[in-house]
Each structure stands twice: as structure tokens, then as C-alpha cells.
Amino acid sequence: MINKSSLIIRLTIALALSSFLFGVIYSKLYYKSVYADELARSKTTIEQIGQTVSTTASIAAYLEDADLAIEVLNGLISNDVILAAKIDTDTQTLAKSLLYKGQPGNQFVLSHPFIPTANVGVILLVPNEVFIRQQASSIASDSVETLVLLIIPMLILFVSLAYIMITRPMGVLFKQLQEIPPGESQRLRSPANHKESEIGQVTKSINHLLDKTQSLFNQERELRKAISVLEQRFRLMFERASTPTLLVKSSGLIELANDAAQDLLVGLNVSAEETFPECLMPLCKSPDSLDSLINDATNQGQVKQMEIEFESRFNASTCLAEYRHHSDRE
């Protein structure tokens, strides 16, 4: 399934849009340029034709030979860029084509065949504006089509190269990275022909980051092991300590009691589910001392220690317990 957000798709769309805009703007400018060049070329062609027939037309005007003049005109109008023509002498119109209706055109002076400084007439050439513009438009359109046909393969080639050189190698790296479990020793392999390129540098940087990540994972594992060992040792010391020890929540519920504390609570006939210190206050021979100890530890934020004497509810025997209290009871 093609990902619409993939780099190659976005690159293709961006290139297509930019190429379209560039093609539209450039095509218009190119069309105008080619059109203007073709109009100028047609004008030059008419001038060249006029210069070419001027010698023959001069002889016809000098001799006032209407047949020769008509022959010259027939040769002129056979050219598609010329619509009509006429040849005038100083005294008369020697010949004119059927399509000449008095239109303005390009005039060429006919020099005297034997006296270069004298003139014997003029030849008027009327450009075929419709044909010239159609021809210029057709040539300009063909040029633009050629340009578009050239841009499209270049766009396809550029997108293909971008996919082969950038998108596909990046996709390979991304797939490799997804398959590497965190903290494992697997590393990315640089795509072919990219070991020294920017993609190769990215691969090296990611592998360096993976090395650091693995190192941190290993440190965390070792730290967890060390904490687990310390926790086991602490729990063993806590459970086997001869001093009764209770871990109490701020709400007063007894969360944990070692063996000595449990024996004490059983001896005092106190349930571990009762609330501390209310459950021990009635059995304490000096409840004020216990209350003071708790308040001092809480207010000063320090561990307090004292020996407290309790008395069982069911017998007159007395038991002693060393009590330690820390202000943070969570």
C-alpha cells in the first residue's frame, strides 16, 4: 500500500506542481518569443524577395513591358508570405495582382538599369498577414509542445533518480531501524553506494546513538540487578531484625511489619489492620512520650529513637520495645 505521506509521493507532487507552473509561465514566454521571431523572419523574407526581383522588375518598368511585369508578379504571389503586389512606373501602374485592393505594403524602389542614381518605378509587396500569423502561431505551438515533451521525461527521470538515490535507501534504513529491539546489538547497514554519502553519515550517526542506547540499557539492567540484591538483603535484615519495626502509611495503616513487630502485636493482642498509633496508645505506659516522639519526628523531619514500655490487655506482664520513627511514613 502506498503511503500518501511518503517522501517520494510528496516530492513527485511538488515537482509536478512546480514543473506545471514553470511550464505554463515559460511556455507563454517562449510562445511569444517564437511568435515574434517568426513574424520578424517573415518580414525579412519579404525584404529578401523584394531585393531579389527588383532587378527584373526594374527592366520591366524601364521598358514598360507589361507582360514581363505580370510574369514577375505571378512569381511573387506564388510565395505564401505575399498576398498581392503591383509594379508602378513614374507614369502608370504597369501591373498588379488580382488580390491587390489598394492595401499598404512594403515598397521597393526600382533603380534605372543603366543609371544607378535614377529611379524608374516602385514595386509594392503586400504581406499575407493571415498566413504569416498562422504560420508563426503553428511554429510557436510546435516549439512549446516539444518543450513540454522534453520537460515530462526530465521530470520522470528526476523523480526516478530521487527515489533510487534518496527515498529507497531511506526506506531501507527505516525498515532496519524498526526491526532492531531497544538495547540489542543489531546495527544499521549502509545501503549500497551510500557509505560515504549523507545517507551513510546518517547511518553512522544512528548506529552511534544505538551504541549509547545499548550502553544505557546495560547500565539500567545492572542497576536493577544491584537494586534487587540490595532489596533482598534489606528485606532479609528487616524481617530478621530483633527490633520490632513497622512501616506505616500516612493514613495510619500498617503496611509492613517484621517478625519481631508481629510478635509484639500478637503479645499485645493488637491487629495489624488497626490504625497506628491509636492502636498502641492505650497500651503504652507513657502515651504522651509516644505522641511527642511522633510529632517531633514529623515536624523536624528526622529519625527519632526511644525505648517504650507496653502492657498487655490480658495480663499484667510488661514488654519493652525500641521505637524508631521517621517523619516520612509513606
Protein backbone atom coordinates (compact mmCIF):
# COMPACT_ATOMS: atom_id res chain seq x y z
CA MET A 1 0.00 0.00 0.00
CA ILE A 2 1.37 3.40 -1.00
CA ASN A 3 1.80 5.85 1.85
CA LYS A 4 0.36 9.21 0.81
CA SER A 5 2.75 10.96 3.20
CA SER A 6 5.86 9.23 1.85
CA LEU A 7 8.75 11.36 0.67
CA ILE A 8 8.62 10.17 -2.93
CA ILE A 9 4.89 10.94 -3.23
CA ARG A 10 5.30 14.44 -1.80
CA LEU A 11 8.40 15.02 -3.93
CA THR A 12 6.55 13.89 -7.05
CA ILE A 13 3.59 16.17 -6.31
CA ALA A 14 5.88 19.11 -5.53
CA LEU A 15 7.89 18.58 -8.70
CA ALA A 16 4.76 18.11 -10.79
CA LEU A 17 3.17 21.31 -9.48
CA SER A 18 6.36 23.35 -9.78
CA SER A 19 7.03 21.94 -13.25
CA PHE A 20 3.45 22.74 -14.27
CA LEU A 21 3.69 26.32 -13.08
CA PHE A 22 7.12 26.71 -14.62
CA GLY A 23 5.90 25.11 -17.84
CA VAL A 24 2.86 27.40 -18.08
CA ILE A 25 4.86 30.59 -17.46
CA TYR A 26 7.82 29.57 -19.58
CA SER A 27 5.60 28.24 -22.37
CA LYS A 28 3.78 31.56 -22.64
CA LEU A 29 7.02 33.49 -22.73
CA TYR A 30 8.56 31.02 -25.16
CA TYR A 31 5.45 31.13 -27.35
CA LYS A 32 5.59 34.92 -27.54
CA SER A 33 9.29 34.85 -28.30
CA VAL A 34 8.97 32.26 -31.09
CA TYR A 35 5.91 34.06 -32.48
CA ALA A 36 7.74 37.36 -32.61
CA ASP A 37 10.79 35.71 -34.20
CA GLU A 38 8.64 34.14 -36.89
CA LEU A 39 6.97 37.47 -37.69
CA ALA A 40 10.38 39.09 -37.95
CA ARG A 41 11.63 36.22 -40.13
CA SER A 42 8.67 36.62 -42.47
CA LYS A 43 9.36 40.33 -42.76
CA THR A 44 12.98 39.59 -43.58
CA THR A 45 11.88 37.04 -46.15
CA ILE A 46 9.65 39.61 -47.90
CA GLU A 47 12.52 42.08 -47.98
CA GLN A 48 14.82 39.46 -49.46
CA ILE A 49 12.20 38.56 -52.09
CA GLY A 50 11.79 42.24 -52.96
CA GLN A 51 15.53 42.67 -53.34
CA THR A 52 15.73 39.53 -55.48
CA VAL A 53 13.08 40.55 -58.06
CA SER A 54 13.96 44.24 -58.09
CA THR A 55 16.40 43.84 -60.99
CA THR A 56 13.89 42.08 -63.25
CA ALA A 57 11.14 44.46 -62.16
CA SER A 58 13.41 47.45 -62.98
CA ILE A 59 13.89 46.19 -66.52
CA ALA A 60 10.14 45.68 -66.92
CA ALA A 61 9.48 49.22 -65.63
CA TYR A 62 12.19 50.72 -67.79
CA LEU A 63 10.87 49.01 -70.92
CA GLU A 64 7.25 49.42 -69.74
CA ASP A 65 6.84 45.73 -70.57
CA ALA A 66 3.53 44.71 -69.03
CA ASP A 67 4.00 41.03 -69.85
CA LEU A 68 7.33 40.87 -68.08
CA ALA A 69 5.85 42.80 -65.15
CA ILE A 70 2.93 40.34 -64.90
CA GLU A 71 5.38 37.43 -65.01
CA VAL A 72 7.31 38.99 -62.12
CA LEU A 73 4.08 39.49 -60.13
CA ASN A 74 2.99 35.91 -60.73
CA GLY A 75 6.29 34.72 -59.36
CA LEU A 76 5.87 36.94 -56.30
CA ILE A 77 2.34 35.92 -55.36
CA SER A 78 3.23 32.27 -55.71
CA ASN A 79 5.07 32.74 -52.41
CA ASP A 80 2.75 32.14 -49.45
CA VAL A 81 4.02 35.14 -47.49
CA ILE A 82 2.92 37.58 -50.22
CA LEU A 83 -0.78 38.28 -50.66
CA ALA A 84 -0.65 40.80 -53.51
CA ALA A 85 1.78 43.00 -55.47
CA LYS A 86 1.94 45.72 -58.07
CA ILE A 87 4.59 47.45 -60.16
CA ASP A 88 4.35 51.19 -60.87
CA THR A 89 6.39 53.30 -63.21
CA ASP A 90 6.68 57.06 -62.90
CA THR A 91 3.65 57.48 -65.13
CA GLN A 92 1.43 54.41 -64.74
CA THR A 93 0.63 51.17 -62.98
CA LEU A 94 2.37 48.64 -65.11
CA ALA A 95 0.85 45.52 -63.48
CA LYS A 96 -0.97 44.42 -60.35
CA SER A 97 -2.24 41.14 -58.95
CA LEU A 98 -5.93 40.28 -58.66
CA LEU A 99 -5.93 40.42 -54.83
CA TYR A 100 -4.45 43.89 -54.70
CA LYS A 101 -7.15 46.26 -53.43
CA GLY A 102 -5.06 49.26 -52.53
CA GLN A 103 -3.64 47.75 -49.33
CA PRO A 104 -0.50 49.25 -47.85
CA GLY A 105 2.64 47.14 -48.13
CA ASN A 106 6.39 47.15 -48.42
CA GLN A 107 7.71 49.40 -51.17
CA PHE A 108 10.97 48.77 -53.02
CA VAL A 109 12.41 51.43 -55.30
CA LEU A 110 13.31 50.21 -58.81
CA SER A 111 16.61 51.70 -59.93
CA HIS A 112 17.41 52.62 -63.56
CA PRO A 113 19.13 49.66 -65.27
CA PHE A 114 21.89 51.90 -66.65
CA ILE A 115 21.89 54.91 -64.36
CA PRO A 116 22.20 53.76 -60.73
CA THR A 117 21.26 57.17 -59.37
CA ALA A 118 17.97 57.32 -61.28
CA ASN A 119 14.69 55.50 -60.49
CA VAL A 120 12.20 54.06 -62.96
CA GLY A 121 9.42 52.99 -60.56
CA VAL A 122 8.47 51.08 -57.43
CA ILE A 123 7.29 47.60 -56.58
CA LEU A 124 4.75 47.17 -53.76
CA LEU A 125 4.52 43.85 -51.89
CA VAL A 126 1.51 43.26 -49.59
CA PRO A 127 2.35 40.66 -46.87
CA ASN A 128 -0.10 37.80 -46.33
CA GLU A 129 -0.70 38.70 -42.68
CA VAL A 130 -3.17 35.87 -42.04
CA PHE A 131 -0.82 33.21 -43.36
CA ILE A 132 2.20 34.73 -41.61
CA ARG A 133 0.45 34.85 -38.25
CA GLN A 134 -0.95 31.34 -38.64
CA GLN A 135 2.46 30.07 -39.63
CA ALA A 136 4.12 31.85 -36.69
CA SER A 137 1.46 30.53 -34.29
CA SER A 138 1.84 26.99 -35.61
CA ILE A 139 5.62 27.04 -35.31
CA ALA A 140 5.42 28.57 -31.81
CA SER A 141 2.86 25.93 -30.73
CA ASP A 142 5.02 23.12 -32.08
CA SER A 143 8.01 24.54 -30.22
CA VAL A 144 6.03 24.68 -26.97
CA GLU A 145 4.81 21.10 -27.44
CA THR A 146 8.39 19.99 -28.00
CA LEU A 147 9.39 21.80 -24.82
CA VAL A 148 6.61 20.12 -22.82
CA LEU A 149 7.52 16.71 -24.23
CA LEU A 150 11.08 17.39 -23.13
CA ILE A 151 10.10 18.52 -19.61
CA ILE A 152 7.89 15.48 -18.84
CA PRO A 153 10.63 12.84 -19.38
CA MET A 154 13.06 15.01 -17.43
CA LEU A 155 10.54 15.18 -14.56
CA ILE A 156 10.04 11.42 -14.62
CA LEU A 157 13.81 10.89 -14.75
CA PHE A 158 14.41 13.27 -11.85
CA VAL A 159 11.72 11.62 -9.68
CA SER A 160 13.09 8.17 -10.51
CA LEU A 161 16.63 9.23 -9.60
CA ALA A 162 15.37 10.82 -6.37
CA TYR A 163 13.58 7.57 -5.49
CA ILE A 164 16.59 5.41 -6.30
CA MET A 165 19.20 7.65 -4.64
CA ILE A 166 17.26 9.05 -1.65
CA THR A 167 13.82 7.64 -0.92
CA ARG A 168 14.53 3.92 -1.33
CA PRO A 169 17.77 3.97 0.76
CA MET A 170 15.99 5.95 3.49
CA GLY A 171 13.14 3.42 3.41
CA VAL A 172 15.65 0.58 3.81
CA LEU A 173 17.20 2.32 6.83
CA PHE A 174 13.77 2.93 8.36
CA LYS A 175 12.80 -0.73 7.94
CA GLN A 176 16.07 -1.87 9.52
CA LEU A 177 15.60 0.53 12.42
CA GLN A 178 12.08 -0.79 13.09
CA GLU A 179 13.43 -4.35 13.33
CA ILE A 180 16.10 -3.53 15.94
CA PRO A 181 14.85 -4.19 19.52
CA PRO A 182 15.86 -1.48 22.03
CA GLY A 183 19.15 -2.22 23.72
CA GLU A 184 20.17 -5.03 21.35
CA SER A 185 23.48 -5.28 19.47
CA GLN A 186 21.99 -5.14 15.96
CA ARG A 187 23.07 -2.14 13.86
CA LEU A 188 22.04 -0.48 10.62
CA ARG A 189 23.78 -1.40 7.38
CA SER A 190 24.52 1.41 4.96
CA PRO A 191 22.67 0.99 1.64
CA ALA A 192 24.79 0.12 -1.36
CA ASN A 193 26.84 3.03 -2.76
CA HIS A 194 25.94 5.23 0.22
CA LYS A 195 28.72 4.52 2.71
CA GLU A 196 30.35 7.90 2.16
CA SER A 197 27.26 9.90 1.23
CA GLU A 198 25.00 11.90 3.54
CA ILE A 199 22.82 8.79 3.96
CA GLY A 200 25.92 6.88 5.05
CA GLN A 201 26.70 9.62 7.57
CA VAL A 202 23.13 9.41 8.89
CA THR A 203 23.55 5.64 9.23
CA LYS A 204 26.75 6.11 11.24
CA SER A 205 25.08 8.68 13.49
CA ILE A 206 22.11 6.39 14.14
CA ASN A 207 24.43 3.47 14.93
CA HIS A 208 26.36 5.70 17.33
CA LEU A 209 23.07 6.60 19.02
CA LEU A 210 22.15 2.90 19.19
CA ASP A 211 25.52 2.21 20.85
CA LYS A 212 24.77 4.78 23.52
CA THR A 213 21.24 3.44 23.94
CA GLN A 214 22.54 -0.11 24.40
CA SER A 215 25.07 1.15 26.93
CA LEU A 216 22.31 2.90 28.89
CA PHE A 217 20.14 -0.22 28.74
CA ASN A 218 23.02 -2.33 30.03
CA GLN A 219 23.66 0.13 32.84
CA GLU A 220 19.98 0.10 33.73
CA ARG A 221 19.94 -3.71 33.77
CA GLU A 222 22.99 -3.83 36.04
CA LEU A 223 21.46 -1.17 38.26
CA ARG A 224 18.20 -3.13 38.50
CA LYS A 225 20.14 -6.26 39.44
CA ALA A 226 22.07 -4.34 42.11
CA ILE A 227 18.85 -2.81 43.46
CA SER A 228 17.21 -6.23 43.51
CA VAL A 229 20.12 -7.67 45.50
CA LEU A 230 20.05 -4.74 47.94
CA GLU A 231 16.30 -5.05 48.27
CA GLN A 232 16.57 -8.72 49.10
CA ARG A 233 19.27 -8.02 51.65
CA PHE A 234 17.28 -5.19 53.19
CA ARG A 235 14.14 -7.31 53.35
CA LEU A 236 16.10 -10.15 54.99
CA MET A 237 17.60 -7.75 57.51
CA PHE A 238 14.22 -6.14 58.12
CA GLU A 239 12.40 -9.42 58.63
CA ARG A 240 15.05 -10.98 60.91
CA ALA A 241 15.83 -7.87 62.94
CA SER A 242 15.31 -8.34 66.68
CA THR A 243 13.93 -4.82 67.00
CA PRO A 244 10.16 -4.56 66.24
CA THR A 245 9.85 -2.45 63.08
CA LEU A 246 6.69 -1.19 61.41
CA LEU A 247 6.26 0.52 58.01
CA VAL A 248 3.22 2.77 58.34
CA LYS A 249 1.35 4.84 55.75
CA SER A 250 0.45 8.45 56.39
CA SER A 251 -3.15 7.32 56.86
CA GLY A 252 -2.03 5.20 59.82
CA LEU A 253 -2.44 1.80 58.17
CA ILE A 254 0.34 -0.65 58.92
CA GLU A 255 1.84 -1.61 55.56
CA LEU A 256 4.67 -3.89 56.71
CA ALA A 257 5.82 -5.43 59.99
CA ASN A 258 8.84 -7.61 60.65
CA ASP A 259 8.72 -10.82 62.71
CA ALA A 260 9.60 -9.05 65.96
CA ALA A 261 6.87 -6.45 65.40
CA GLN A 262 4.32 -9.13 64.62
CA ASP A 263 5.23 -10.98 67.81
CA LEU A 264 4.87 -7.73 69.72
CA LEU A 265 1.43 -7.02 68.21
CA VAL A 266 0.29 -10.58 68.99
CA GLY A 267 1.59 -10.27 72.52
CA LEU A 268 -0.31 -7.02 72.94
CA ASN A 269 -3.39 -8.53 71.25
CA VAL A 270 -3.35 -5.79 68.58
CA SER A 271 -4.43 -6.49 65.00
CA ALA A 272 -2.15 -5.34 62.20
CA GLU A 273 -5.25 -3.96 60.49
CA GLU A 274 -5.80 -1.34 63.21
CA THR A 275 -4.69 2.26 62.80
CA PHE A 276 -1.32 3.40 64.09
CA PRO A 277 -0.57 4.89 66.63
CA GLU A 278 -4.08 4.82 68.05
CA CYS A 279 -3.91 1.04 68.42
CA LEU A 280 -0.85 1.30 70.70
CA MET A 281 -1.70 4.42 72.66
CA PRO A 282 -3.96 2.64 75.24
CA LEU A 283 -1.25 0.03 75.86
CA CYS A 284 1.61 2.48 76.20
CA LYS A 285 2.57 3.32 79.82
CA SER A 286 3.64 6.78 78.68
CA PRO A 287 1.41 7.67 75.69
CA ASP A 288 2.49 11.27 75.87
CA SER A 289 6.05 10.20 75.13
CA LEU A 290 4.96 8.26 72.05
CA ASP A 291 2.81 11.15 70.82
CA SER A 292 5.65 13.61 71.41
CA LEU A 293 8.09 11.36 69.58
CA ILE A 294 5.81 11.16 66.53
CA ASN A 295 5.19 14.92 66.48
CA ASP A 296 8.89 15.77 66.82
CA ALA A 297 9.89 13.39 64.06
CA THR A 298 7.16 14.74 61.78
CA ASN A 299 7.91 18.44 62.47
CA GLN A 300 11.70 18.16 62.39
CA GLY A 301 11.89 15.68 59.52
CA GLN A 302 14.34 13.48 61.40
CA VAL A 303 14.55 9.90 62.65
CA LYS A 304 13.73 9.64 66.38
CA GLN A 305 14.55 6.75 68.69
CA MET A 306 13.42 5.87 72.19
CA GLU A 307 12.52 2.88 74.36
CA ILE A 308 8.76 2.49 75.01
CA GLU A 309 7.09 0.23 77.58
CA PHE A 310 3.79 -1.50 76.72
CA GLU A 311 1.42 -3.53 78.87
CA SER A 312 -0.79 -6.38 77.62
CA ARG A 313 -4.54 -6.09 77.95
CA PHE A 314 -4.93 -9.64 79.29
CA ASN A 315 -2.10 -9.95 81.77
CA ALA A 316 0.00 -7.78 83.97
CA SER A 317 3.23 -8.56 82.20
CA THR A 318 5.18 -5.74 80.71
CA CYS A 319 7.15 -5.74 77.42
CA LEU A 320 9.69 -3.27 76.16
CA ALA A 321 10.06 -2.17 72.53
CA GLU A 322 12.57 0.11 70.91
CA TYR A 323 10.66 2.52 68.73
CA ARG A 324 12.14 4.41 65.78
CA HIS A 325 10.09 6.90 63.83
CA HIS A 326 10.82 8.73 60.58
CA SER A 327 8.82 11.77 59.53
CA ASP A 328 8.16 10.39 56.01
CA ARG A 329 5.87 7.43 56.68
CA GLU A 330 4.84 6.79 53.06
